[in-house]
């Protein structure tokens, strides 16, 4: 069998095979039906390893056996079917890994690690629970984390541009928070242009129009807050900067101001 090394490497990469598996499978593709001895000879795979490699290819669903023949003969499935089989194998691995990780959360080891983490967090100094979020991507990622962990309430003072962005990037996460019982309140200088997105938000959140204030501030559970330093329309996503702070003292004060504005705003 004359097959260049580049093709062997491509088969290894695409079909998740080792070197000997790749050579044997290519040999089968080129011969149709073959015995283990024939495959060993044309693929340059040692005879002592051939049966193990064939069994591995069979487990992966890339070959079939003709047991009625003596000696046993092997046939490779078509490349198109092989792609589908590899896809199924990957899905199976992902499902198994996902189940393993979920089960891992319930183990004694993770319980002990969580205890260590909780004890360590009690030693964290106050200035360690704040920081700069540089770039819109960092801010969005952190917002998603806060929304997923919200327990009681989410309060947001947003610009019209930010209202649309939050719906696109966090709408699903916020709706799930609302279904958990989290109260969501949003205020900002919204206009008729935002009518459609306001309607979407009102499926799971309360909104009020505040004409005199334009800001990008998010508060969660009166404990954590994120406030952006620039108007979102005036800065490139890469240069957007926000401040995150975990401080019940500060966030409760901000929440009080927010609710003072909220109570005097139009629905």
C-alpha atoms as a PDB file:
ATOM      1  CA  UNK A   1       0.000   0.000   0.000  1.00  0.00           C
ATOM      2  CA  UNK A   2       1.485   3.316  -1.036  1.00  0.00           C
ATOM      3  CA  UNK A   3       0.027   6.097   1.100  1.00  0.00           C
ATOM      4  CA  UNK A   4       1.869   9.299   1.828  1.00  0.00           C
ATOM      5  CA  UNK A   5       2.578  10.320   5.413  1.00  0.00           C
ATOM      6  CA  UNK A   6       0.464  13.464   5.068  1.00  0.00           C
ATOM      7  CA  UNK A   7      -2.691  11.409   4.437  1.00  0.00           C
ATOM      8  CA  UNK A   8      -1.917   9.171   7.413  1.00  0.00           C
ATOM      9  CA  UNK A   9      -1.545  12.239   9.645  1.00  0.00           C
ATOM     10  CA  UNK A  10      -4.817  13.697   8.345  1.00  0.00           C
ATOM     11  CA  UNK A  11      -6.653  10.433   9.088  1.00  0.00           C
ATOM     12  CA  UNK A  12      -5.171  10.379  12.595  1.00  0.00           C
ATOM     13  CA  UNK A  13      -6.358  13.907  13.263  1.00  0.00           C
ATOM     14  CA  UNK A  14      -9.822  13.726  11.695  1.00  0.00           C
ATOM     15  CA  UNK A  15     -10.852  10.279  12.913  1.00  0.00           C
ATOM     16  CA  UNK A  16      -9.067  10.381  16.283  1.00  0.00           C
ATOM     17  CA  UNK A  17      -6.849   7.364  15.553  1.00  0.00           C
ATOM     18  CA  UNK A  18      -3.286   6.419  16.410  1.00  0.00           C
ATOM     19  CA  UNK A  19      -0.637   5.641  13.788  1.00  0.00           C
ATOM     20  CA  UNK A  20      -1.273   1.887  13.544  1.00  0.00           C
ATOM     21  CA  UNK A  21      -5.061   2.341  13.486  1.00  0.00           C
ATOM     22  CA  UNK A  22      -4.711   4.851  10.665  1.00  0.00           C
ATOM     23  CA  UNK A  23      -2.487   2.552   8.607  1.00  0.00           C
ATOM     24  CA  UNK A  24      -4.751  -0.485   9.043  1.00  0.00           C
ATOM     25  CA  UNK A  25      -7.908   1.443   8.226  1.00  0.00           C
ATOM     26  CA  UNK A  26      -6.331   2.940   5.100  1.00  0.00           C
ATOM     27  CA  UNK A  27      -5.172  -0.533   4.116  1.00  0.00           C
ATOM     28  CA  UNK A  28      -8.724  -1.848   4.422  1.00  0.00           C
ATOM     29  CA  UNK A  29     -10.096   1.040   2.383  1.00  0.00           C
ATOM     30  CA  UNK A  30      -7.642   0.214  -0.391  1.00  0.00           C
ATOM     31  CA  UNK A  31      -8.308  -3.554  -0.355  1.00  0.00           C
ATOM     32  CA  UNK A  32     -12.028  -3.882   0.378  1.00  0.00           C
ATOM     33  CA  UNK A  33     -11.991  -7.218   2.253  1.00  0.00           C
ATOM     34  CA  UNK A  34      -8.810  -8.539   3.905  1.00  0.00           C
ATOM     35  CA  UNK A  35      -7.528 -10.925   6.558  1.00  0.00           C
ATOM     36  CA  UNK A  36      -5.453  -9.764   9.509  1.00  0.00           C
ATOM     37  CA  UNK A  37      -2.331 -11.238   7.930  1.00  0.00           C
ATOM     38  CA  UNK A  38      -2.880  -9.415   4.650  1.00  0.00           C
ATOM     39  CA  UNK A  39      -3.550  -6.142   6.447  1.00  0.00           C
ATOM     40  CA  UNK A  40      -0.397  -6.497   8.531  1.00  0.00           C
ATOM     41  CA  UNK A  41       1.691  -7.050   5.416  1.00  0.00           C
ATOM     42  CA  UNK A  42       0.354  -4.160   3.322  1.00  0.00           C
ATOM     43  CA  UNK A  43       0.128  -1.651   6.196  1.00  0.00           C
ATOM     44  CA  UNK A  44       3.530  -2.352   7.791  1.00  0.00           C
ATOM     45  CA  UNK A  45       1.816  -2.839  11.159  1.00  0.00           C
ATOM     46  CA  UNK A  46       3.538  -5.602  13.205  1.00  0.00           C
ATOM     47  CA  UNK A  47       1.603  -8.892  13.124  1.00  0.00           C
ATOM     48  CA  UNK A  48       1.753  -9.038  16.931  1.00  0.00           C
ATOM     49  CA  UNK A  49      -0.222  -5.798  17.140  1.00  0.00           C
ATOM     50  CA  UNK A  50      -2.649  -6.301  14.256  1.00  0.00           C
ATOM     51  CA  UNK A  51      -5.424  -8.116  16.144  1.00  0.00           C
ATOM     52  CA  UNK A  52      -5.401  -5.584  18.998  1.00  0.00           C
ATOM     53  CA  UNK A  53      -5.579  -2.694  16.546  1.00  0.00           C
ATOM     54  CA  UNK A  54      -8.386  -4.341  14.576  1.00  0.00           C
ATOM     55  CA  UNK A  55     -10.343  -4.873  17.795  1.00  0.00           C
ATOM     56  CA  UNK A  56      -9.855  -1.184  18.649  1.00  0.00           C
ATOM     57  CA  UNK A  57     -11.140  -0.123  15.214  1.00  0.00           C
ATOM     58  CA  UNK A  58     -14.127  -2.430  15.677  1.00  0.00           C
ATOM     59  CA  UNK A  59     -14.973  -0.849  19.061  1.00  0.00           C
ATOM     60  CA  UNK A  60     -14.837   2.578  17.416  1.00  0.00           C
ATOM     61  CA  UNK A  61     -17.297   1.404  14.786  1.00  0.00           C
ATOM     62  CA  UNK A  62     -14.959   1.937  11.826  1.00  0.00           C
ATOM     63  CA  UNK A  63     -14.744  -1.681  10.615  1.00  0.00           C
ATOM     64  CA  UNK A  64     -16.889  -4.825  10.479  1.00  0.00           C
ATOM     65  CA  UNK A  65     -15.921  -8.500  10.646  1.00  0.00           C
ATOM     66  CA  UNK A  66     -16.997 -11.383   8.441  1.00  0.00           C
ATOM     67  CA  UNK A  67     -16.904 -14.218  10.962  1.00  0.00           C
ATOM     68  CA  UNK A  68     -18.431 -16.739   8.605  1.00  0.00           C
ATOM     69  CA  UNK A  69     -15.211 -16.805   6.608  1.00  0.00           C
ATOM     70  CA  UNK A  70     -12.086 -18.662   7.685  1.00  0.00           C
ATOM     71  CA  UNK A  71      -9.808 -16.960   8.351  1.00  0.00           C
ATOM     72  CA  UNK A  72     -11.892 -14.011   9.571  1.00  0.00           C
ATOM     73  CA  UNK A  73     -11.969 -11.133   7.138  1.00  0.00           C
ATOM     74  CA  UNK A  74     -12.354  -7.392   7.869  1.00  0.00           C
ATOM     75  CA  UNK A  75     -14.107  -4.613   5.963  1.00  0.00           C
ATOM     76  CA  UNK A  76     -13.810  -0.857   6.516  1.00  0.00           C
ATOM     77  CA  UNK A  77     -16.975   1.247   6.577  1.00  0.00           C
ATOM     78  CA  UNK A  78     -17.133   4.089   4.062  1.00  0.00           C
ATOM     79  CA  UNK A  79     -15.387   7.395   4.905  1.00  0.00           C
ATOM     80  CA  UNK A  80     -18.759   9.217   5.024  1.00  0.00           C
ATOM     81  CA  UNK A  81     -20.146   6.676   7.481  1.00  0.00           C
ATOM     82  CA  UNK A  82     -16.876   6.891   9.425  1.00  0.00           C
ATOM     83  CA  UNK A  83     -17.331  10.644   9.874  1.00  0.00           C
ATOM     84  CA  UNK A  84     -20.826  10.049  11.288  1.00  0.00           C
ATOM     85  CA  UNK A  85     -19.494   7.328  13.582  1.00  0.00           C
ATOM     86  CA  UNK A  86     -16.705   9.570  14.894  1.00  0.00           C
ATOM     87  CA  UNK A  87     -19.284  12.287  15.543  1.00  0.00           C
ATOM     88  CA  UNK A  88     -21.368   9.813  17.561  1.00  0.00           C
ATOM     89  CA  UNK A  89     -18.265   8.744  19.478  1.00  0.00           C
ATOM     90  CA  UNK A  90     -17.465  12.359  20.372  1.00  0.00           C
ATOM     91  CA  UNK A  91     -21.044  12.999  21.515  1.00  0.00           C
ATOM     92  CA  UNK A  92     -20.880   9.882  23.683  1.00  0.00           C
ATOM     93  CA  UNK A  93     -17.609  11.043  25.238  1.00  0.00           C
ATOM     94  CA  UNK A  94     -19.029  14.509  25.932  1.00  0.00           C
ATOM     95  CA  UNK A  95     -22.149  13.020  27.550  1.00  0.00           C
ATOM     96  CA  UNK A  96     -20.049  10.700  29.687  1.00  0.00           C
ATOM     97  CA  UNK A  97     -17.727  13.530  30.725  1.00  0.00           C
ATOM     98  CA  UNK A  98     -20.664  15.805  31.538  1.00  0.00           C
ATOM     99  CA  UNK A  99     -22.229  13.117  33.746  1.00  0.00           C
ATOM    100  CA  UNK A 100     -18.878  12.491  35.421  1.00  0.00           C
ATOM    101  CA  UNK A 101     -18.467  16.206  36.205  1.00  0.00           C
ATOM    102  CA  UNK A 102     -22.012  16.439  37.601  1.00  0.00           C
ATOM    103  CA  UNK A 103     -21.389  13.382  39.802  1.00  0.00           C
ATOM    104  CA  UNK A 104     -18.071  14.891  40.853  1.00  0.00           C
ATOM    105  CA  UNK A 105     -19.883  17.851  42.431  1.00  0.00           C
ATOM    106  CA  UNK A 106     -21.509  15.446  44.902  1.00  0.00           C
ATOM    107  CA  UNK A 107     -18.293  13.739  46.008  1.00  0.00           C
ATOM    108  CA  UNK A 108     -16.622  14.109  49.389  1.00  0.00           C
ATOM    109  CA  UNK A 109     -13.488  15.520  47.754  1.00  0.00           C
ATOM    110  CA  UNK A 110     -15.327  18.474  46.200  1.00  0.00           C
ATOM    111  CA  UNK A 111     -17.134  18.996  49.496  1.00  0.00           C
ATOM    112  CA  UNK A 112     -13.805  19.304  51.295  1.00  0.00           C
ATOM    113  CA  UNK A 113     -12.451  21.624  48.593  1.00  0.00           C
ATOM    114  CA  UNK A 114     -15.540  23.824  48.908  1.00  0.00           C
ATOM    115  CA  UNK A 115     -14.952  23.999  52.659  1.00  0.00           C
ATOM    116  CA  UNK A 116     -11.373  25.100  52.097  1.00  0.00           C
ATOM    117  CA  UNK A 117     -12.521  27.731  49.613  1.00  0.00           C
ATOM    118  CA  UNK A 118     -15.169  29.088  51.991  1.00  0.00           C
ATOM    119  CA  UNK A 119     -12.632  29.314  54.803  1.00  0.00           C
ATOM    120  CA  UNK A 120     -10.138  31.028  52.516  1.00  0.00           C
ATOM    121  CA  UNK A 121     -12.685  33.571  51.317  1.00  0.00           C
ATOM    122  CA  UNK A 122     -13.256  34.675  54.896  1.00  0.00           C
ATOM    123  CA  UNK A 123      -9.630  35.815  54.918  1.00  0.00           C
ATOM    124  CA  UNK A 124      -9.909  37.838  51.690  1.00  0.00           C
ATOM    125  CA  UNK A 125      -9.258  41.512  52.300  1.00  0.00           C
ATOM    126  CA  UNK A 126     -11.916  43.980  51.209  1.00  0.00           C
ATOM    127  CA  UNK A 127      -9.804  45.484  48.449  1.00  0.00           C
ATOM    128  CA  UNK A 128      -9.453  42.026  46.915  1.00  0.00           C
ATOM    129  CA  UNK A 129     -13.185  41.899  46.173  1.00  0.00           C
ATOM    130  CA  UNK A 130     -13.129  44.636  43.571  1.00  0.00           C
ATOM    131  CA  UNK A 131     -11.425  45.163  40.256  1.00  0.00           C
ATOM    132  CA  UNK A 132     -11.387  46.594  36.752  1.00  0.00           C
ATOM    133  CA  UNK A 133     -13.113  44.788  33.897  1.00  0.00           C
ATOM    134  CA  UNK A 134     -11.220  45.739  30.759  1.00  0.00           C
ATOM    135  CA  UNK A 135     -13.136  45.194  27.494  1.00  0.00           C
ATOM    136  CA  UNK A 136     -16.813  44.636  26.834  1.00  0.00           C
ATOM    137  CA  UNK A 137     -16.225  40.878  26.686  1.00  0.00           C
ATOM    138  CA  UNK A 138     -14.899  40.811  30.270  1.00  0.00           C
ATOM    139  CA  UNK A 139     -17.824  42.871  31.530  1.00  0.00           C
ATOM    140  CA  UNK A 140     -20.360  40.696  29.711  1.00  0.00           C
ATOM    141  CA  UNK A 141     -18.797  37.526  31.099  1.00  0.00           C
ATOM    142  CA  UNK A 142     -18.902  38.897  34.654  1.00  0.00           C
ATOM    143  CA  UNK A 143     -22.487  40.097  34.278  1.00  0.00           C
ATOM    144  CA  UNK A 144     -23.525  36.620  33.199  1.00  0.00           C
ATOM    145  CA  UNK A 145     -21.894  35.150  36.295  1.00  0.00           C
ATOM    146  CA  UNK A 146     -23.686  37.633  38.592  1.00  0.00           C
ATOM    147  CA  UNK A 147     -27.054  37.031  36.918  1.00  0.00           C
ATOM    148  CA  UNK A 148     -26.690  33.245  37.161  1.00  0.00           C
ATOM    149  CA  UNK A 149     -25.900  33.486  40.878  1.00  0.00           C
ATOM    150  CA  UNK A 150     -28.529  36.115  41.748  1.00  0.00           C
ATOM    151  CA  UNK A 151     -30.789  35.109  44.629  1.00  0.00           C
ATOM    152  CA  UNK A 152     -33.126  38.055  45.353  1.00  0.00           C
ATOM    153  CA  UNK A 153     -32.937  41.044  43.071  1.00  0.00           C
ATOM    154  CA  UNK A 154     -31.231  42.618  40.068  1.00  0.00           C
ATOM    155  CA  UNK A 155     -31.393  46.391  39.605  1.00  0.00           C
ATOM    156  CA  UNK A 156     -30.112  48.071  36.462  1.00  0.00           C
ATOM    157  CA  UNK A 157     -29.791  51.654  35.302  1.00  0.00           C
ATOM    158  CA  UNK A 158     -29.128  51.416  31.564  1.00  0.00           C
ATOM    159  CA  UNK A 159     -28.749  53.549  28.463  1.00  0.00           C
ATOM    160  CA  UNK A 160     -30.969  52.677  25.461  1.00  0.00           C
ATOM    161  CA  UNK A 161     -27.962  51.174  23.663  1.00  0.00           C
ATOM    162  CA  UNK A 162     -27.103  49.097  26.728  1.00  0.00           C
ATOM    163  CA  UNK A 163     -30.693  47.908  27.095  1.00  0.00           C
ATOM    164  CA  UNK A 164     -30.531  46.354  23.628  1.00  0.00           C
ATOM    165  CA  UNK A 165     -27.109  44.852  24.277  1.00  0.00           C
ATOM    166  CA  UNK A 166     -28.182  43.299  27.590  1.00  0.00           C
ATOM    167  CA  UNK A 167     -31.199  41.690  25.949  1.00  0.00           C
ATOM    168  CA  UNK A 168     -29.052  40.165  23.194  1.00  0.00           C
ATOM    169  CA  UNK A 169     -26.260  38.956  25.472  1.00  0.00           C
ATOM    170  CA  UNK A 170     -28.061  38.194  28.750  1.00  0.00           C
ATOM    171  CA  UNK A 171     -31.785  38.009  27.976  1.00  0.00           C
ATOM    172  CA  UNK A 172     -32.020  34.242  28.386  1.00  0.00           C
ATOM    173  CA  UNK A 173     -29.972  34.280  31.604  1.00  0.00           C
ATOM    174  CA  UNK A 174     -32.115  37.060  33.072  1.00  0.00           C
ATOM    175  CA  UNK A 175     -35.324  35.247  32.185  1.00  0.00           C
ATOM    176  CA  UNK A 176     -34.056  32.136  33.979  1.00  0.00           C
ATOM    177  CA  UNK A 177     -33.224  34.296  37.015  1.00  0.00           C
ATOM    178  CA  UNK A 178     -36.768  35.674  37.018  1.00  0.00           C
ATOM    179  CA  UNK A 179     -38.160  32.138  36.930  1.00  0.00           C
ATOM    180  CA  UNK A 180     -36.083  31.395  40.055  1.00  0.00           C
ATOM    181  CA  UNK A 181     -37.928  34.215  41.803  1.00  0.00           C
ATOM    182  CA  UNK A 182     -35.358  36.989  41.316  1.00  0.00           C
ATOM    183  CA  UNK A 183     -36.984  40.436  41.015  1.00  0.00           C
ATOM    184  CA  UNK A 184     -35.552  42.382  38.057  1.00  0.00           C
ATOM    185  CA  UNK A 185     -35.952  46.176  37.802  1.00  0.00           C
ATOM    186  CA  UNK A 186     -34.593  48.255  34.913  1.00  0.00           C
ATOM    187  CA  UNK A 187     -34.640  52.039  34.563  1.00  0.00           C
ATOM    188  CA  UNK A 188     -33.233  54.400  31.946  1.00  0.00           C
ATOM    189  CA  UNK A 189     -33.910  57.172  29.411  1.00  0.00           C
ATOM    190  CA  UNK A 190     -35.691  54.866  26.975  1.00  0.00           C
ATOM    191  CA  UNK A 191     -37.625  56.150  23.978  1.00  0.00           C
ATOM    192  CA  UNK A 192     -40.092  54.874  21.408  1.00  0.00           C
ATOM    193  CA  UNK A 193     -37.134  53.331  19.551  1.00  0.00           C
ATOM    194  CA  UNK A 194     -36.753  50.788  22.367  1.00  0.00           C
ATOM    195  CA  UNK A 195     -40.427  49.808  22.315  1.00  0.00           C
ATOM    196  CA  UNK A 196     -39.780  46.305  20.953  1.00  0.00           C
ATOM    197  CA  UNK A 197     -36.999  45.391  23.376  1.00  0.00           C
ATOM    198  CA  UNK A 198     -38.950  46.881  26.306  1.00  0.00           C
ATOM    199  CA  UNK A 199     -41.827  44.582  25.398  1.00  0.00           C
ATOM    200  CA  UNK A 200     -39.448  41.613  25.515  1.00  0.00           C
ATOM    201  CA  UNK A 201     -38.078  42.604  28.909  1.00  0.00           C
ATOM    202  CA  UNK A 202     -41.554  43.100  30.371  1.00  0.00           C
ATOM    203  CA  UNK A 203     -42.181  39.369  30.001  1.00  0.00           C
ATOM    204  CA  UNK A 204     -39.993  38.845  33.061  1.00  0.00           C
ATOM    205  CA  UNK A 205     -38.845  42.253  34.375  1.00  0.00           C
ATOM    206  CA  UNK A 206     -40.186  45.640  35.516  1.00  0.00           C
ATOM    207  CA  UNK A 207     -39.128  48.743  33.538  1.00  0.00           C
ATOM    208  CA  UNK A 208     -39.456  52.473  34.143  1.00  0.00           C
ATOM    209  CA  UNK A 209     -38.382  55.490  32.106  1.00  0.00           C
ATOM    210  CA  UNK A 210     -35.980  57.946  33.752  1.00  0.00           C
ATOM    211  CA  UNK A 211     -35.188  60.816  31.394  1.00  0.00           C
ATOM    212  CA  UNK A 212     -32.690  62.743  33.507  1.00  0.00           C
ATOM    213  CA  UNK A 213     -30.151  59.950  34.143  1.00  0.00           C
ATOM    214  CA  UNK A 214     -27.931  58.111  31.666  1.00  0.00           C
ATOM    215  CA  UNK A 215     -25.690  55.425  33.122  1.00  0.00           C
ATOM    216  CA  UNK A 216     -24.624  51.786  32.953  1.00  0.00           C
ATOM    217  CA  UNK A 217     -24.966  50.399  36.473  1.00  0.00           C
ATOM    218  CA  UNK A 218     -25.949  46.896  37.580  1.00  0.00           C
ATOM    219  CA  UNK A 219     -26.565  45.826  41.186  1.00  0.00           C
ATOM    220  CA  UNK A 220     -27.216  42.270  42.337  1.00  0.00           C
ATOM    221  CA  UNK A 221     -28.654  41.178  45.703  1.00  0.00           C
ATOM    222  CA  UNK A 222     -27.564  44.520  47.234  1.00  0.00           C
ATOM    223  CA  UNK A 223     -24.122  42.954  47.463  1.00  0.00           C
ATOM    224  CA  UNK A 224     -22.283  43.336  44.166  1.00  0.00           C
ATOM    225  CA  UNK A 225     -22.259  46.119  41.600  1.00  0.00           C
ATOM    226  CA  UNK A 226     -20.776  46.785  38.178  1.00  0.00           C
ATOM    227  CA  UNK A 227     -20.655  50.309  36.790  1.00  0.00           C
ATOM    228  CA  UNK A 228     -19.180  51.250  33.447  1.00  0.00           C
ATOM    229  CA  UNK A 229     -16.978  54.310  33.035  1.00  0.00           C
ATOM    230  CA  UNK A 230     -17.932  55.261  29.477  1.00  0.00           C
ATOM    231  CA  UNK A 231     -21.094  55.466  27.357  1.00  0.00           C
ATOM    232  CA  UNK A 232     -21.207  52.220  25.374  1.00  0.00           C
ATOM    233  CA  UNK A 233     -21.811  54.005  22.047  1.00  0.00           C
ATOM    234  CA  UNK A 234     -18.725  56.192  22.481  1.00  0.00           C
ATOM    235  CA  UNK A 235     -16.073  53.549  23.128  1.00  0.00           C
ATOM    236  CA  UNK A 236     -14.847  50.507  21.204  1.00  0.00           C
ATOM    237  CA  UNK A 237     -15.635  47.163  22.832  1.00  0.00           C
ATOM    238  CA  UNK A 238     -11.931  46.445  23.329  1.00  0.00           C
ATOM    239  CA  UNK A 239     -11.446  49.667  25.307  1.00  0.00           C
ATOM    240  CA  UNK A 240     -14.596  49.538  27.379  1.00  0.00           C
ATOM    241  CA  UNK A 241     -13.866  49.669  31.123  1.00  0.00           C
ATOM    242  CA  UNK A 242     -16.094  48.839  34.078  1.00  0.00           C
ATOM    243  CA  UNK A 243     -15.558  48.582  37.829  1.00  0.00           C
ATOM    244  CA  UNK A 244     -16.777  45.551  39.742  1.00  0.00           C
ATOM    245  CA  UNK A 245     -17.148  45.715  43.502  1.00  0.00           C
ATOM    246  CA  UNK A 246     -18.441  43.275  46.100  1.00  0.00           C
ATOM    247  CA  UNK A 247     -19.483  45.450  49.019  1.00  0.00           C
ATOM    248  CA  UNK A 248     -22.898  45.272  50.726  1.00  0.00           C
ATOM    249  CA  UNK A 249     -22.240  48.704  52.264  1.00  0.00           C
ATOM    250  CA  UNK A 250     -21.638  50.390  48.904  1.00  0.00           C
ATOM    251  CA  UNK A 251     -24.197  48.413  46.921  1.00  0.00           C
ATOM    252  CA  UNK A 252     -27.016  48.990  49.447  1.00  0.00           C
ATOM    253  CA  UNK A 253     -26.340  52.741  49.227  1.00  0.00           C
ATOM    254  CA  UNK A 254     -26.457  52.590  45.419  1.00  0.00           C
ATOM    255  CA  UNK A 255     -29.620  50.498  45.588  1.00  0.00           C
ATOM    256  CA  UNK A 256     -31.291  53.072  47.841  1.00  0.00           C
ATOM    257  CA  UNK A 257     -30.509  55.811  45.324  1.00  0.00           C
ATOM    258  CA  UNK A 258     -31.768  53.614  42.490  1.00  0.00           C
ATOM    259  CA  UNK A 259     -35.058  52.947  44.267  1.00  0.00           C
ATOM    260  CA  UNK A 260     -35.501  56.643  45.084  1.00  0.00           C
ATOM    261  CA  UNK A 261     -35.265  57.331  41.354  1.00  0.00           C
ATOM    262  CA  UNK A 262     -37.440  54.287  40.608  1.00  0.00           C
ATOM    263  CA  UNK A 263     -40.272  55.436  42.862  1.00  0.00           C
ATOM    264  CA  UNK A 264     -40.432  58.816  41.147  1.00  0.00           C
ATOM    265  CA  UNK A 265     -40.134  57.491  37.590  1.00  0.00           C
ATOM    266  CA  UNK A 266     -42.796  56.805  34.965  1.00  0.00           C
ATOM    267  CA  UNK A 267     -43.819  53.219  34.364  1.00  0.00           C
END
